[in-house]
PDB file of N, CA and C in Angstrom:
ATOM      1  N   UNK A   1       0.835  -1.173   0.000  1.00  0.00           N
ATOM      2  CA  UNK A   1       0.000   0.000   0.000  1.00  0.00           C
ATOM      3  C   UNK A   1       0.884   1.242   0.000  1.00  0.00           C
ATOM      4  N   UNK A   2       0.600   2.188  -0.860  1.00  0.00           N
ATOM      5  CA  UNK A   2       1.342   3.438  -0.918  1.00  0.00           C
ATOM      6  C   UNK A   2       0.722   4.422   0.064  1.00  0.00           C
ATOM      7  N   UNK A   3       1.542   4.987   0.919  1.00  0.00           N
ATOM      8  CA  UNK A   3       1.070   5.980   1.879  1.00  0.00           C
ATOM      9  C   UNK A   3       1.186   7.358   1.262  1.00  0.00           C
ATOM     10  N   UNK A   4       0.280   8.242   1.670  1.00  0.00           N
ATOM     11  CA  UNK A   4       0.337   9.616   1.191  1.00  0.00           C
ATOM     12  C   UNK A   4       1.674  10.237   1.598  1.00  0.00           C
ATOM     13  N   UNK A   5       2.272  10.943   0.666  1.00  0.00           N
ATOM     14  CA  UNK A   5       3.461  11.706   1.006  1.00  0.00           C
ATOM     15  C   UNK A   5       3.207  13.165   0.671  1.00  0.00           C
ATOM     16  N   UNK A   6       3.866  14.020   1.413  1.00  0.00           N
ATOM     17  CA  UNK A   6       3.793  15.452   1.190  1.00  0.00           C
ATOM     18  C   UNK A   6       5.173  15.917   0.772  1.00  0.00           C
ATOM     19  N   UNK A   7       5.210  16.768  -0.236  1.00  0.00           N
ATOM     20  CA  UNK A   7       6.461  17.281  -0.771  1.00  0.00           C
ATOM     21  C   UNK A   7       6.499  18.782  -0.518  1.00  0.00           C
ATOM     22  N   UNK A   8       7.549  19.231   0.159  1.00  0.00           N
ATOM     23  CA  UNK A   8       7.747  20.653   0.430  1.00  0.00           C
ATOM     24  C   UNK A   8       8.820  21.153  -0.518  1.00  0.00           C
ATOM     25  N   UNK A   9       8.481  22.176  -1.296  1.00  0.00           N
ATOM     26  CA  UNK A   9       9.414  22.678  -2.302  1.00  0.00           C
ATOM     27  C   UNK A   9       9.327  24.191  -2.387  1.00  0.00           C
ATOM     28  N   UNK A  10      10.270  24.790  -3.077  1.00  0.00           N
ATOM     29  CA  UNK A  10      10.338  26.238  -3.228  1.00  0.00           C
ATOM     30  C   UNK A  10       9.801  26.635  -4.601  1.00  0.00           C
ATOM     31  N   UNK A  11       8.567  27.140  -4.646  1.00  0.00           N
ATOM     32  CA  UNK A  11       7.961  27.527  -5.923  1.00  0.00           C
ATOM     33  C   UNK A  11       8.579  28.799  -6.501  1.00  0.00           C
ATOM     34  N   UNK A  12       9.355  29.524  -5.717  1.00  0.00           N
ATOM     35  CA  UNK A  12      10.044  30.706  -6.246  1.00  0.00           C
ATOM     36  C   UNK A  12      11.310  30.333  -7.010  1.00  0.00           C
ATOM     37  N   UNK A  13      11.739  29.098  -6.890  1.00  0.00           N
ATOM     38  CA  UNK A  13      12.906  28.599  -7.623  1.00  0.00           C
ATOM     39  C   UNK A  13      12.409  28.052  -8.957  1.00  0.00           C
ATOM     40  N   UNK A  14      12.850  28.639 -10.084  1.00  0.00           N
ATOM     41  CA  UNK A  14      12.348  28.166 -11.377  1.00  0.00           C
ATOM     42  C   UNK A  14      12.673  26.699 -11.662  1.00  0.00           C
ATOM     43  N   UNK A  15      13.836  26.238 -11.240  1.00  0.00           N
ATOM     44  CA  UNK A  15      14.214  24.832 -11.460  1.00  0.00           C
ATOM     45  C   UNK A  15      13.317  23.929 -10.621  1.00  0.00           C
ATOM     46  N   UNK A  16      13.161  24.280  -9.351  1.00  0.00           N
ATOM     47  CA  UNK A  16      12.314  23.490  -8.450  1.00  0.00           C
ATOM     48  C   UNK A  16      10.870  23.478  -8.929  1.00  0.00           C
ATOM     49  N   UNK A  17      10.375  24.657  -9.290  1.00  0.00           N
ATOM     50  CA  UNK A  17       8.990  24.788  -9.747  1.00  0.00           C
ATOM     51  C   UNK A  17       8.737  23.925 -10.983  1.00  0.00           C
ATOM     52  N   UNK A  18       9.649  23.947 -11.932  1.00  0.00           N
ATOM     53  CA  UNK A  18       9.481  23.157 -13.158  1.00  0.00           C
ATOM     54  C   UNK A  18       9.506  21.659 -12.854  1.00  0.00           C
ATOM     55  N   UNK A  19      10.434  21.240 -12.011  1.00  0.00           N
ATOM     56  CA  UNK A  19      10.526  19.817 -11.690  1.00  0.00           C
ATOM     57  C   UNK A  19       9.277  19.348 -10.944  1.00  0.00           C
ATOM     58  N   UNK A  20       8.839  20.118  -9.969  1.00  0.00           N
ATOM     59  CA  UNK A  20       7.652  19.741  -9.204  1.00  0.00           C
ATOM     60  C   UNK A  20       6.404  19.791 -10.078  1.00  0.00           C
ATOM     61  N   UNK A  21       6.317  20.750 -10.979  1.00  0.00           N
ATOM     62  CA  UNK A  21       5.179  20.807 -11.901  1.00  0.00           C
ATOM     63  C   UNK A  21       5.102  19.523 -12.730  1.00  0.00           C
ATOM     64  N   UNK A  22       6.253  19.023 -13.137  1.00  0.00           N
ATOM     65  CA  UNK A  22       6.295  17.769 -13.891  1.00  0.00           C
ATOM     66  C   UNK A  22       5.745  16.616 -13.038  1.00  0.00           C
ATOM     67  N   UNK A  23       6.261  16.496 -11.811  1.00  0.00           N
ATOM     68  CA  UNK A  23       5.790  15.431 -10.922  1.00  0.00           C
ATOM     69  C   UNK A  23       4.306  15.602 -10.590  1.00  0.00           C
ATOM     70  N   UNK A  24       3.879  16.846 -10.332  1.00  0.00           N
ATOM     71  CA  UNK A  24       2.486  17.105  -9.976  1.00  0.00           C
ATOM     72  C   UNK A  24       1.549  16.732 -11.128  1.00  0.00           C
ATOM     73  N   UNK A  25       1.963  17.007 -12.353  1.00  0.00           N
ATOM     74  CA  UNK A  25       1.167  16.612 -13.506  1.00  0.00           C
ATOM     75  C   UNK A  25       1.000  15.107 -13.578  1.00  0.00           C
ATOM     76  N   UNK A  26       2.074  14.387 -13.319  1.00  0.00           N
ATOM     77  CA  UNK A  26       2.035  12.927 -13.318  1.00  0.00           C
ATOM     78  C   UNK A  26       1.125  12.420 -12.198  1.00  0.00           C
ATOM     79  N   UNK A  27       1.274  13.008 -11.013  1.00  0.00           N
ATOM     80  CA  UNK A  27       0.457  12.629  -9.860  1.00  0.00           C
ATOM     81  C   UNK A  27      -1.025  12.857 -10.159  1.00  0.00           C
ATOM     82  N   UNK A  28      -1.352  14.025 -10.705  1.00  0.00           N
ATOM     83  CA  UNK A  28      -2.749  14.342 -11.032  1.00  0.00           C
ATOM     84  C   UNK A  28      -3.307  13.381 -12.082  1.00  0.00           C
ATOM     85  N   UNK A  29      -2.520  13.095 -13.099  1.00  0.00           N
ATOM     86  CA  UNK A  29      -2.980  12.225 -14.181  1.00  0.00           C
ATOM     87  C   UNK A  29      -3.242  10.796 -13.712  1.00  0.00           C
ATOM     88  N   UNK A  30      -2.539  10.386 -12.650  1.00  0.00           N
ATOM     89  CA  UNK A  30      -2.663   9.010 -12.182  1.00  0.00           C
ATOM     90  C   UNK A  30      -3.357   8.889 -10.828  1.00  0.00           C
ATOM     91  N   UNK A  31      -3.822  10.002 -10.289  1.00  0.00           N
ATOM     92  CA  UNK A  31      -4.543   9.961  -9.022  1.00  0.00           C
ATOM     93  C   UNK A  31      -3.725   9.407  -7.872  1.00  0.00           C
ATOM     94  N   UNK A  32      -2.469   9.780  -7.805  1.00  0.00           N
ATOM     95  CA  UNK A  32      -1.575   9.244  -6.777  1.00  0.00           C
ATOM     96  C   UNK A  32      -1.659  10.063  -5.481  1.00  0.00           C
ATOM     97  N   UNK A  33      -1.400   9.417  -4.348  1.00  0.00           N
ATOM     98  CA  UNK A  33      -1.532  10.081  -3.048  1.00  0.00           C
ATOM     99  C   UNK A  33      -0.304  10.915  -2.666  1.00  0.00           C
ATOM    100  N   UNK A  34      -0.046  11.948  -3.437  1.00  0.00           N
ATOM    101  CA  UNK A  34       1.082  12.844  -3.188  1.00  0.00           C
ATOM    102  C   UNK A  34       0.543  14.268  -3.158  1.00  0.00           C
ATOM    103  N   UNK A  35       0.952  15.014  -2.156  1.00  0.00           N
ATOM    104  CA  UNK A  35       0.538  16.410  -2.001  1.00  0.00           C
ATOM    105  C   UNK A  35       1.780  17.280  -2.092  1.00  0.00           C
ATOM    106  N   UNK A  36       1.691  18.378  -2.845  1.00  0.00           N
ATOM    107  CA  UNK A  36       2.804  19.300  -3.007  1.00  0.00           C
ATOM    108  C   UNK A  36       2.488  20.599  -2.268  1.00  0.00           C
ATOM    109  N   UNK A  37       3.447  21.080  -1.494  1.00  0.00           N
ATOM    110  CA  UNK A  37       3.260  22.300  -0.718  1.00  0.00           C
ATOM    111  C   UNK A  37       4.415  23.262  -0.993  1.00  0.00           C
ATOM    112  N   UNK A  38       4.063  24.481  -1.392  1.00  0.00           N
ATOM    113  CA  UNK A  38       5.054  25.538  -1.600  1.00  0.00           C
ATOM    114  C   UNK A  38       5.479  26.073  -0.237  1.00  0.00           C
ATOM    115  N   UNK A  39       6.769  26.087   0.033  1.00  0.00           N
ATOM    116  CA  UNK A  39       7.262  26.565   1.318  1.00  0.00           C
ATOM    117  C   UNK A  39       6.932  28.038   1.541  1.00  0.00           C
ATOM    118  N   UNK A  40       6.693  28.779   0.476  1.00  0.00           N
ATOM    119  CA  UNK A  40       6.380  30.209   0.577  1.00  0.00           C
ATOM    120  C   UNK A  40       4.925  30.472   0.966  1.00  0.00           C
ATOM    121  N   UNK A  41       4.111  29.442   0.981  1.00  0.00           N
ATOM    122  CA  UNK A  41       2.696  29.587   1.292  1.00  0.00           C
ATOM    123  C   UNK A  41       2.405  29.433   2.781  1.00  0.00           C
ATOM    124  N   UNK A  42       3.444  29.230   3.582  1.00  0.00           N
ATOM    125  CA  UNK A  42       3.254  29.065   5.018  1.00  0.00           C
ATOM    126  C   UNK A  42       3.037  27.610   5.388  1.00  0.00           C
ATOM    127  N   UNK A  43       2.734  27.386   6.650  1.00  0.00           N
ATOM    128  CA  UNK A  43       2.499  26.025   7.128  1.00  0.00           C
ATOM    129  C   UNK A  43       3.748  25.271   7.512  1.00  0.00           C
ATOM    130  N   UNK A  44       4.878  25.960   7.608  1.00  0.00           N
ATOM    131  CA  UNK A  44       6.131  25.271   7.935  1.00  0.00           C
ATOM    132  C   UNK A  44       6.166  24.754   9.367  1.00  0.00           C
ATOM    133  N   UNK A  45       5.321  25.306  10.234  1.00  0.00           N
ATOM    134  CA  UNK A  45       5.308  24.833  11.621  1.00  0.00           C
ATOM    135  C   UNK A  45       4.952  23.347  11.679  1.00  0.00           C
ATOM    136  N   UNK A  46       4.246  22.852  10.682  1.00  0.00           N
ATOM    137  CA  UNK A  46       3.894  21.432  10.628  1.00  0.00           C
ATOM    138  C   UNK A  46       5.060  20.564  10.163  1.00  0.00           C
ATOM    139  N   UNK A  47       6.092  21.209   9.647  1.00  0.00           N
ATOM    140  CA  UNK A  47       7.266  20.485   9.172  1.00  0.00           C
ATOM    141  C   UNK A  47       8.388  20.482  10.202  1.00  0.00           C
ATOM    142  N   UNK A  48       8.350  21.437  11.120  1.00  0.00           N
ATOM    143  CA  UNK A  48       9.401  21.515  12.133  1.00  0.00           C
ATOM    144  C   UNK A  48      10.712  22.068  11.600  1.00  0.00           C
ATOM    145  N   UNK A  49      10.642  22.851  10.510  1.00  0.00           N
ATOM    146  CA  UNK A  49      11.840  23.465   9.946  1.00  0.00           C
ATOM    147  C   UNK A  49      11.540  24.923   9.602  1.00  0.00           C
ATOM    148  N   UNK A  50      12.595  25.698   9.495  1.00  0.00           N
ATOM    149  CA  UNK A  50      12.438  27.114   9.136  1.00  0.00           C
ATOM    150  C   UNK A  50      12.328  27.262   7.622  1.00  0.00           C
ATOM    151  N   UNK A  51      11.919  28.447   7.179  1.00  0.00           N
ATOM    152  CA  UNK A  51      11.848  28.727   5.741  1.00  0.00           C
ATOM    153  C   UNK A  51      13.232  28.606   5.117  1.00  0.00           C
ATOM    154  N   UNK A  52      14.261  29.048   5.836  1.00  0.00           N
ATOM    155  CA  UNK A  52      15.621  28.945   5.309  1.00  0.00           C
ATOM    156  C   UNK A  52      16.036  27.487   5.154  1.00  0.00           C
ATOM    157  N   UNK A  53      15.752  26.658   6.154  1.00  0.00           N
ATOM    158  CA  UNK A  53      16.073  25.228   6.039  1.00  0.00           C
ATOM    159  C   UNK A  53      15.303  24.590   4.884  1.00  0.00           C
ATOM    160  N   UNK A  54      14.044  24.972   4.749  1.00  0.00           N
ATOM    161  CA  UNK A  54      13.208  24.413   3.686  1.00  0.00           C
ATOM    162  C   UNK A  54      13.727  24.794   2.307  1.00  0.00           C
ATOM    163  N   UNK A  55      14.258  26.003   2.169  1.00  0.00           N
ATOM    164  CA  UNK A  55      14.746  26.484   0.870  1.00  0.00           C
ATOM    165  C   UNK A  55      16.065  25.824   0.466  1.00  0.00           C
ATOM    166  N   UNK A  56      16.752  25.213   1.380  1.00  0.00           N
ATOM    167  CA  UNK A  56      18.070  24.626   1.095  1.00  0.00           C
ATOM    168  C   UNK A  56      18.015  23.302   0.351  1.00  0.00           C
ATOM    169  N   UNK A  57      16.890  22.580   0.464  1.00  0.00           N
ATOM    170  CA  UNK A  57      16.792  21.279  -0.204  1.00  0.00           C
ATOM    171  C   UNK A  57      15.336  20.817  -0.230  1.00  0.00           C
ATOM    172  N   UNK A  58      15.068  19.818  -1.025  1.00  0.00           N
ATOM    173  CA  UNK A  58      13.732  19.227  -1.093  1.00  0.00           C
ATOM    174  C   UNK A  58      13.446  18.472   0.202  1.00  0.00           C
ATOM    175  N   UNK A  59      12.198  18.573   0.680  1.00  0.00           N
ATOM    176  CA  UNK A  59      11.769  17.827   1.861  1.00  0.00           C
ATOM    177  C   UNK A  59      10.510  17.042   1.527  1.00  0.00           C
ATOM    178  N   UNK A  60      10.402  15.855   2.103  1.00  0.00           N
ATOM    179  CA  UNK A  60       9.236  14.997   1.942  1.00  0.00           C
ATOM    180  C   UNK A  60       8.857  14.467   3.319  1.00  0.00           C
ATOM    181  N   UNK A  61       7.558  14.478   3.588  1.00  0.00           N
ATOM    182  CA  UNK A  61       7.071  13.853   4.822  1.00  0.00           C
ATOM    183  C   UNK A  61       6.305  12.604   4.425  1.00  0.00           C
ATOM    184  N   UNK A  62       6.706  11.500   5.014  1.00  0.00           N
ATOM    185  CA  UNK A  62       6.042  10.219   4.757  1.00  0.00           C
ATOM    186  C   UNK A  62       5.981   9.457   6.071  1.00  0.00           C
ATOM    187  N   UNK A  63       4.780   9.015   6.424  1.00  0.00           N
ATOM    188  CA  UNK A  63       4.592   8.269   7.677  1.00  0.00           C
ATOM    189  C   UNK A  63       5.153   9.037   8.872  1.00  0.00           C
ATOM    190  N   UNK A  64       4.884  10.330   8.917  1.00  0.00           N
ATOM    191  CA  UNK A  64       5.320  11.208  10.012  1.00  0.00           C
ATOM    192  C   UNK A  64       6.833  11.377  10.119  1.00  0.00           C
ATOM    193  N   UNK A  65       7.564  10.975   9.100  1.00  0.00           N
ATOM    194  CA  UNK A  65       9.018  11.202   9.049  1.00  0.00           C
ATOM    195  C   UNK A  65       9.295  12.255   7.996  1.00  0.00           C
ATOM    196  N   UNK A  66      10.163  13.201   8.321  1.00  0.00           N
ATOM    197  CA  UNK A  66      10.566  14.212   7.349  1.00  0.00           C
ATOM    198  C   UNK A  66      11.925  13.808   6.800  1.00  0.00           C
ATOM    199  N   UNK A  67      11.972  13.663   5.498  1.00  0.00           N
ATOM    200  CA  UNK A  67      13.203  13.308   4.788  1.00  0.00           C
ATOM    201  C   UNK A  67      13.649  14.518   3.993  1.00  0.00           C
ATOM    202  N   UNK A  68      14.949  14.639   3.757  1.00  0.00           N
ATOM    203  CA  UNK A  68      15.431  15.755   2.947  1.00  0.00           C
ATOM    204  C   UNK A  68      16.486  15.267   1.973  1.00  0.00           C
ATOM    205  N   UNK A  69      16.735  16.105   0.960  1.00  0.00           N
ATOM    206  CA  UNK A  69      17.775  15.802  -0.021  1.00  0.00           C
ATOM    207  C   UNK A  69      17.461  14.571  -0.849  1.00  0.00           C
ATOM    208  N   UNK A  70      18.476  13.755  -1.066  1.00  0.00           N
ATOM    209  CA  UNK A  70      18.342  12.557  -1.897  1.00  0.00           C
ATOM    210  C   UNK A  70      17.328  11.583  -1.303  1.00  0.00           C
ATOM    211  N   UNK A  71      17.275  11.487   0.018  1.00  0.00           N
ATOM    212  CA  UNK A  71      16.278  10.608   0.641  1.00  0.00           C
ATOM    213  C   UNK A  71      14.864  11.071   0.309  1.00  0.00           C
ATOM    214  N   UNK A  72      14.662  12.391   0.257  1.00  0.00           N
ATOM    215  CA  UNK A  72      13.350  12.937  -0.110  1.00  0.00           C
ATOM    216  C   UNK A  72      13.014  12.610  -1.561  1.00  0.00           C
ATOM    217  N   UNK A  73      13.985  12.796  -2.453  1.00  0.00           N
ATOM    218  CA  UNK A  73      13.751  12.447  -3.861  1.00  0.00           C
ATOM    219  C   UNK A  73      13.428  10.963  -3.993  1.00  0.00           C
ATOM    220  N   UNK A  74      14.176  10.114  -3.294  1.00  0.00           N
ATOM    221  CA  UNK A  74      13.944   8.668  -3.381  1.00  0.00           C
ATOM    222  C   UNK A  74      12.542   8.311  -2.913  1.00  0.00           C
ATOM    223  N   UNK A  75      12.068   8.943  -1.842  1.00  0.00           N
ATOM    224  CA  UNK A  75      10.708   8.674  -1.354  1.00  0.00           C
ATOM    225  C   UNK A  75       9.668   9.132  -2.373  1.00  0.00           C
ATOM    226  N   UNK A  76       9.887  10.298  -2.965  1.00  0.00           N
ATOM    227  CA  UNK A  76       8.970  10.793  -3.995  1.00  0.00           C
ATOM    228  C   UNK A  76       8.969   9.851  -5.193  1.00  0.00           C
ATOM    229  N   UNK A  77      10.142   9.517  -5.677  1.00  0.00           N
ATOM    230  CA  UNK A  77      10.230   8.625  -6.844  1.00  0.00           C
ATOM    231  C   UNK A  77       9.586   7.271  -6.570  1.00  0.00           C
ATOM    232  N   UNK A  78       9.769   6.741  -5.365  1.00  0.00           N
ATOM    233  CA  UNK A  78       9.187   5.440  -5.020  1.00  0.00           C
ATOM    234  C   UNK A  78       7.658   5.481  -5.051  1.00  0.00           C
ATOM    235  N   UNK A  79       7.074   6.670  -4.838  1.00  0.00           N
ATOM    236  CA  UNK A  79       5.617   6.822  -4.854  1.00  0.00           C
ATOM    237  C   UNK A  79       5.058   6.997  -6.262  1.00  0.00           C
ATOM    238  N   UNK A  80       5.935   7.179  -7.245  1.00  0.00           N
ATOM    239  CA  UNK A  80       5.516   7.410  -8.630  1.00  0.00           C
ATOM    240  C   UNK A  80       5.943   6.220  -9.482  1.00  0.00           C
ATOM    241  N   UNK A  81       4.986   5.404  -9.939  1.00  0.00           N
ATOM    242  CA  UNK A  81       5.349   4.191 -10.681  1.00  0.00           C
ATOM    243  C   UNK A  81       6.367   4.413 -11.797  1.00  0.00           C
ATOM    244  N   UNK A  82       6.259   5.502 -12.530  1.00  0.00           N
ATOM    245  CA  UNK A  82       7.182   5.758 -13.641  1.00  0.00           C
ATOM    246  C   UNK A  82       8.625   5.976 -13.160  1.00  0.00           C
ATOM    247  N   UNK A  83       8.792   6.387 -11.898  1.00  0.00           N
ATOM    248  CA  UNK A  83      10.116   6.746 -11.378  1.00  0.00           C
ATOM    249  C   UNK A  83      10.648   5.778 -10.329  1.00  0.00           C
ATOM    250  N   UNK A  84       9.961   4.686 -10.103  1.00  0.00           N
ATOM    251  CA  UNK A  84      10.430   3.734  -9.085  1.00  0.00           C
ATOM    252  C   UNK A  84      11.807   3.191  -9.411  1.00  0.00           C
ATOM    253  N   UNK A  85      12.119   3.086 -10.682  1.00  0.00           N
ATOM    254  CA  UNK A  85      13.452   2.619 -11.075  1.00  0.00           C
ATOM    255  C   UNK A  85      14.525   3.564 -10.527  1.00  0.00           C
ATOM    256  N   UNK A  86      14.267   4.873 -10.544  1.00  0.00           N
ATOM    257  CA  UNK A  86      15.245   5.846 -10.039  1.00  0.00           C
ATOM    258  C   UNK A  86      15.438   5.672  -8.537  1.00  0.00           C
ATOM    259  N   UNK A  87      14.355   5.419  -7.820  1.00  0.00           N
ATOM    260  CA  UNK A  87      14.454   5.187  -6.375  1.00  0.00           C
ATOM    261  C   UNK A  87      15.284   3.940  -6.097  1.00  0.00           C
ATOM    262  N   UNK A  88      15.091   2.903  -6.894  1.00  0.00           N
ATOM    263  CA  UNK A  88      15.862   1.663  -6.704  1.00  0.00           C
ATOM    264  C   UNK A  88      17.340   1.878  -7.022  1.00  0.00           C
ATOM    265  N   UNK A  89      17.630   2.631  -8.062  1.00  0.00           N
ATOM    266  CA  UNK A  89      19.029   2.888  -8.427  1.00  0.00           C
ATOM    267  C   UNK A  89      19.732   3.696  -7.347  1.00  0.00           C
ATOM    268  N   UNK A  90      19.071   4.744  -6.864  1.00  0.00           N
ATOM    269  CA  UNK A  90      19.674   5.582  -5.821  1.00  0.00           C
ATOM    270  C   UNK A  90      19.904   4.787  -4.544  1.00  0.00           C
ATOM    271  N   UNK A  91      19.112   3.744  -4.314  1.00  0.00           N
ATOM    272  CA  UNK A  91      19.256   2.930  -3.110  1.00  0.00           C
ATOM    273  C   UNK A  91      20.415   1.934  -3.198  1.00  0.00           C
ATOM    274  N   UNK A  92      20.996   1.765  -4.375  1.00  0.00           N
ATOM    275  CA  UNK A  92      22.098   0.808  -4.518  1.00  0.00           C
ATOM    276  C   UNK A  92      23.297   1.229  -3.671  1.00  0.00           C
ATOM    277  N   UNK A  93      23.991   0.226  -3.109  1.00  0.00           N
ATOM    278  CA  UNK A  93      25.165   0.537  -2.278  1.00  0.00           C
ATOM    279  C   UNK A  93      26.161   1.425  -3.034  1.00  0.00           C
ATOM    280  N   UNK A  94      26.575   2.464  -2.374  1.00  0.00           N
ATOM    281  CA  UNK A  94      27.531   3.394  -2.969  1.00  0.00           C
ATOM    282  C   UNK A  94      26.883   4.512  -3.754  1.00  0.00           C
ATOM    283  N   UNK A  95      25.842   4.207  -4.518  1.00  0.00           N
ATOM    284  CA  UNK A  95      25.201   5.237  -5.340  1.00  0.00           C
ATOM    285  C   UNK A  95      24.457   6.267  -4.499  1.00  0.00           C
ATOM    286  N   UNK A  96      23.822   5.824  -3.424  1.00  0.00           N
ATOM    287  CA  UNK A  96      23.133   6.766  -2.553  1.00  0.00           C
ATOM    288  C   UNK A  96      24.132   7.775  -1.989  1.00  0.00           C
ATOM    289  N   UNK A  97      25.295   7.300  -1.569  1.00  0.00           N
ATOM    290  CA  UNK A  97      26.301   8.192  -1.014  1.00  0.00           C
ATOM    291  C   UNK A  97      26.833   9.161  -2.070  1.00  0.00           C
ATOM    292  N   UNK A  98      27.066   8.671  -3.275  1.00  0.00           N
ATOM    293  CA  UNK A  98      27.546   9.530  -4.355  1.00  0.00           C
ATOM    294  C   UNK A  98      26.474  10.557  -4.731  1.00  0.00           C
ATOM    295  N   UNK A  99      25.241  10.093  -4.872  1.00  0.00           N
ATOM    296  CA  UNK A  99      24.151  11.009  -5.213  1.00  0.00           C
ATOM    297  C   UNK A  99      23.971  12.065  -4.122  1.00  0.00           C
ATOM    298  N   UNK A 100      24.055  11.653  -2.863  1.00  0.00           N
ATOM    299  CA  UNK A 100      23.934  12.599  -1.755  1.00  0.00           C
ATOM    300  C   UNK A 100      25.068  13.610  -1.765  1.00  0.00           C
ATOM    301  N   UNK A 101      26.255  13.161  -2.032  1.00  0.00           N
ATOM    302  CA  UNK A 101      27.414  14.055  -2.084  1.00  0.00           C
ATOM    303  C   UNK A 101      27.235  15.102  -3.183  1.00  0.00           C
ATOM    304  N   UNK A 102      26.823  14.674  -4.356  1.00  0.00           N
ATOM    305  CA  UNK A 102      26.618  15.601  -5.479  1.00  0.00           C
ATOM    306  C   UNK A 102      25.480  16.571  -5.165  1.00  0.00           C
ATOM    307  N   UNK A 103      24.387  16.050  -4.624  1.00  0.00           N
ATOM    308  CA  UNK A 103      23.246  16.910  -4.310  1.00  0.00           C
ATOM    309  C   UNK A 103      23.604  17.909  -3.211  1.00  0.00           C
ATOM    310  N   UNK A 104      24.205  17.427  -2.130  1.00  0.00           N
ATOM    311  CA  UNK A 104      24.479  18.278  -0.965  1.00  0.00           C
ATOM    312  C   UNK A 104      25.629  19.253  -1.182  1.00  0.00           C
ATOM    313  N   UNK A 105      26.611  18.873  -1.984  1.00  0.00           N
ATOM    314  CA  UNK A 105      27.793  19.728  -2.158  1.00  0.00           C
ATOM    315  C   UNK A 105      27.761  20.587  -3.415  1.00  0.00           C
ATOM    316  N   UNK A 106      26.957  20.189  -4.416  1.00  0.00           N
ATOM    317  CA  UNK A 106      26.946  20.921  -5.681  1.00  0.00           C
ATOM    318  C   UNK A 106      25.560  21.479  -6.012  1.00  0.00           C
ATOM    319  N   UNK A 107      24.609  20.601  -6.226  1.00  0.00           N
ATOM    320  CA  UNK A 107      23.300  21.035  -6.731  1.00  0.00           C
ATOM    321  C   UNK A 107      22.514  21.881  -5.736  1.00  0.00           C
ATOM    322  N   UNK A 108      22.293  21.378  -4.538  1.00  0.00           N
ATOM    323  CA  UNK A 108      21.500  22.133  -3.558  1.00  0.00           C
ATOM    324  C   UNK A 108      22.139  23.475  -3.207  1.00  0.00           C
ATOM    325  N   UNK A 109      23.464  23.541  -2.972  1.00  0.00           N
ATOM    326  CA  UNK A 109      24.055  24.853  -2.674  1.00  0.00           C
ATOM    327  C   UNK A 109      23.912  25.858  -3.818  1.00  0.00           C
ATOM    328  N   UNK A 110      24.015  25.400  -5.050  1.00  0.00           N
ATOM    329  CA  UNK A 110      23.846  26.317  -6.191  1.00  0.00           C
ATOM    330  C   UNK A 110      22.418  26.838  -6.275  1.00  0.00           C
ATOM    331  N   UNK A 111      21.454  25.941  -6.127  1.00  0.00           N
ATOM    332  CA  UNK A 111      20.054  26.369  -6.161  1.00  0.00           C
ATOM    333  C   UNK A 111      19.748  27.303  -4.996  1.00  0.00           C
ATOM    334  N   UNK A 112      20.308  27.016  -3.830  1.00  0.00           N
ATOM    335  CA  UNK A 112      20.077  27.861  -2.656  1.00  0.00           C
ATOM    336  C   UNK A 112      20.717  29.241  -2.854  1.00  0.00           C
ATOM    337  N   UNK A 113      21.920  29.293  -3.400  1.00  0.00           N
ATOM    338  CA  UNK A 113      22.577  30.587  -3.659  1.00  0.00           C
ATOM    339  C   UNK A 113      21.750  31.418  -4.639  1.00  0.00           C
ATOM    340  N   UNK A 114      21.212  30.776  -5.659  1.00  0.00           N
ATOM    341  CA  UNK A 114      20.352  31.487  -6.610  1.00  0.00           C
ATOM    342  C   UNK A 114      19.079  31.970  -5.934  1.00  0.00           C
ATOM    343  N   UNK A 115      18.557  31.162  -5.014  1.00  0.00           N
ATOM    344  CA  UNK A 115      17.378  31.552  -4.243  1.00  0.00           C
ATOM    345  C   UNK A 115      17.679  32.810  -3.431  1.00  0.00           C
ATOM    346  N   UNK A 116      18.821  32.823  -2.743  1.00  0.00           N
ATOM    347  CA  UNK A 116      19.184  33.991  -1.934  1.00  0.00           C
ATOM    348  C   UNK A 116      19.333  35.233  -2.808  1.00  0.00           C
ATOM    349  N   UNK A 117      19.918  35.075  -3.981  1.00  0.00           N
ATOM    350  CA  UNK A 117      20.080  36.207  -4.898  1.00  0.00           C
ATOM    351  C   UNK A 117      18.721  36.727  -5.364  1.00  0.00           C
ATOM    352  N   UNK A 118      17.804  35.813  -5.688  1.00  0.00           N
ATOM    353  CA  UNK A 118      16.460  36.234  -6.107  1.00  0.00           C
ATOM    354  C   UNK A 118      15.727  36.936  -4.968  1.00  0.00           C
ATOM    355  N   UNK A 119      15.872  36.419  -3.763  1.00  0.00           N
ATOM    356  CA  UNK A 119      15.214  37.042  -2.613  1.00  0.00           C
ATOM    357  C   UNK A 119      15.787  38.416  -2.309  1.00  0.00           C
ATOM    358  N   UNK A 120      17.101  38.574  -2.450  1.00  0.00           N
ATOM    359  CA  UNK A 120      17.726  39.890  -2.232  1.00  0.00           C
ATOM    360  C   UNK A 120      17.243  40.885  -3.269  1.00  0.00           C
ATOM    361  N   UNK A 121      17.140  40.433  -4.501  1.00  0.00           N
ATOM    362  CA  UNK A 121      16.646  41.289  -5.575  1.00  0.00           C
ATOM    363  C   UNK A 121      15.189  41.672  -5.334  1.00  0.00           C
ATOM    364  N   UNK A 122      14.405  40.709  -4.880  1.00  0.00           N
ATOM    365  CA  UNK A 122      12.982  40.951  -4.572  1.00  0.00           C
ATOM    366  C   UNK A 122      12.861  41.960  -3.438  1.00  0.00           C
ATOM    367  N   UNK A 123      13.698  41.852  -2.405  1.00  0.00           N
ATOM    368  CA  UNK A 123      13.651  42.780  -1.269  1.00  0.00           C
ATOM    369  C   UNK A 123      14.081  44.183  -1.679  1.00  0.00           C
ATOM    370  N   UNK A 124      15.007  44.278  -2.641  1.00  0.00           N
ATOM    371  CA  UNK A 124      15.494  45.586  -3.100  1.00  0.00           C
ATOM    372  C   UNK A 124      14.496  46.303  -4.015  1.00  0.00           C
ATOM    373  N   UNK A 125      13.568  45.564  -4.577  1.00  0.00           N
ATOM    374  CA  UNK A 125      12.589  46.144  -5.505  1.00  0.00           C
ATOM    375  C   UNK A 125      11.533  46.948  -4.799  1.00  0.00           C
TER     376      UNK A 125
END
């Protein structure tokens, strides 16, 4: 049985927004039990993290556990039949660590830096 999962993402990030829109379209088309929440819309008190923490990486809540980073992606992919193969690959010994290293040291910091730049520009406007 697939349990409902909630995905917390940054809709102000164009990369994040596009990726989540893709997943959300798939979820809607297949009636899957996945809910997407924009971190900018509030409700973070239910996640137990700050807006800054939420903006740093993808978060997923499943079975009352909050996962982040590659673990969050793996949980999301496992809930989507078309992407279960990706969840299985990331779970392979060694690959999870490599994927986490790339996500945590390269991808997430770049997206977060761009987020901070966009927010600074928005505040200056």
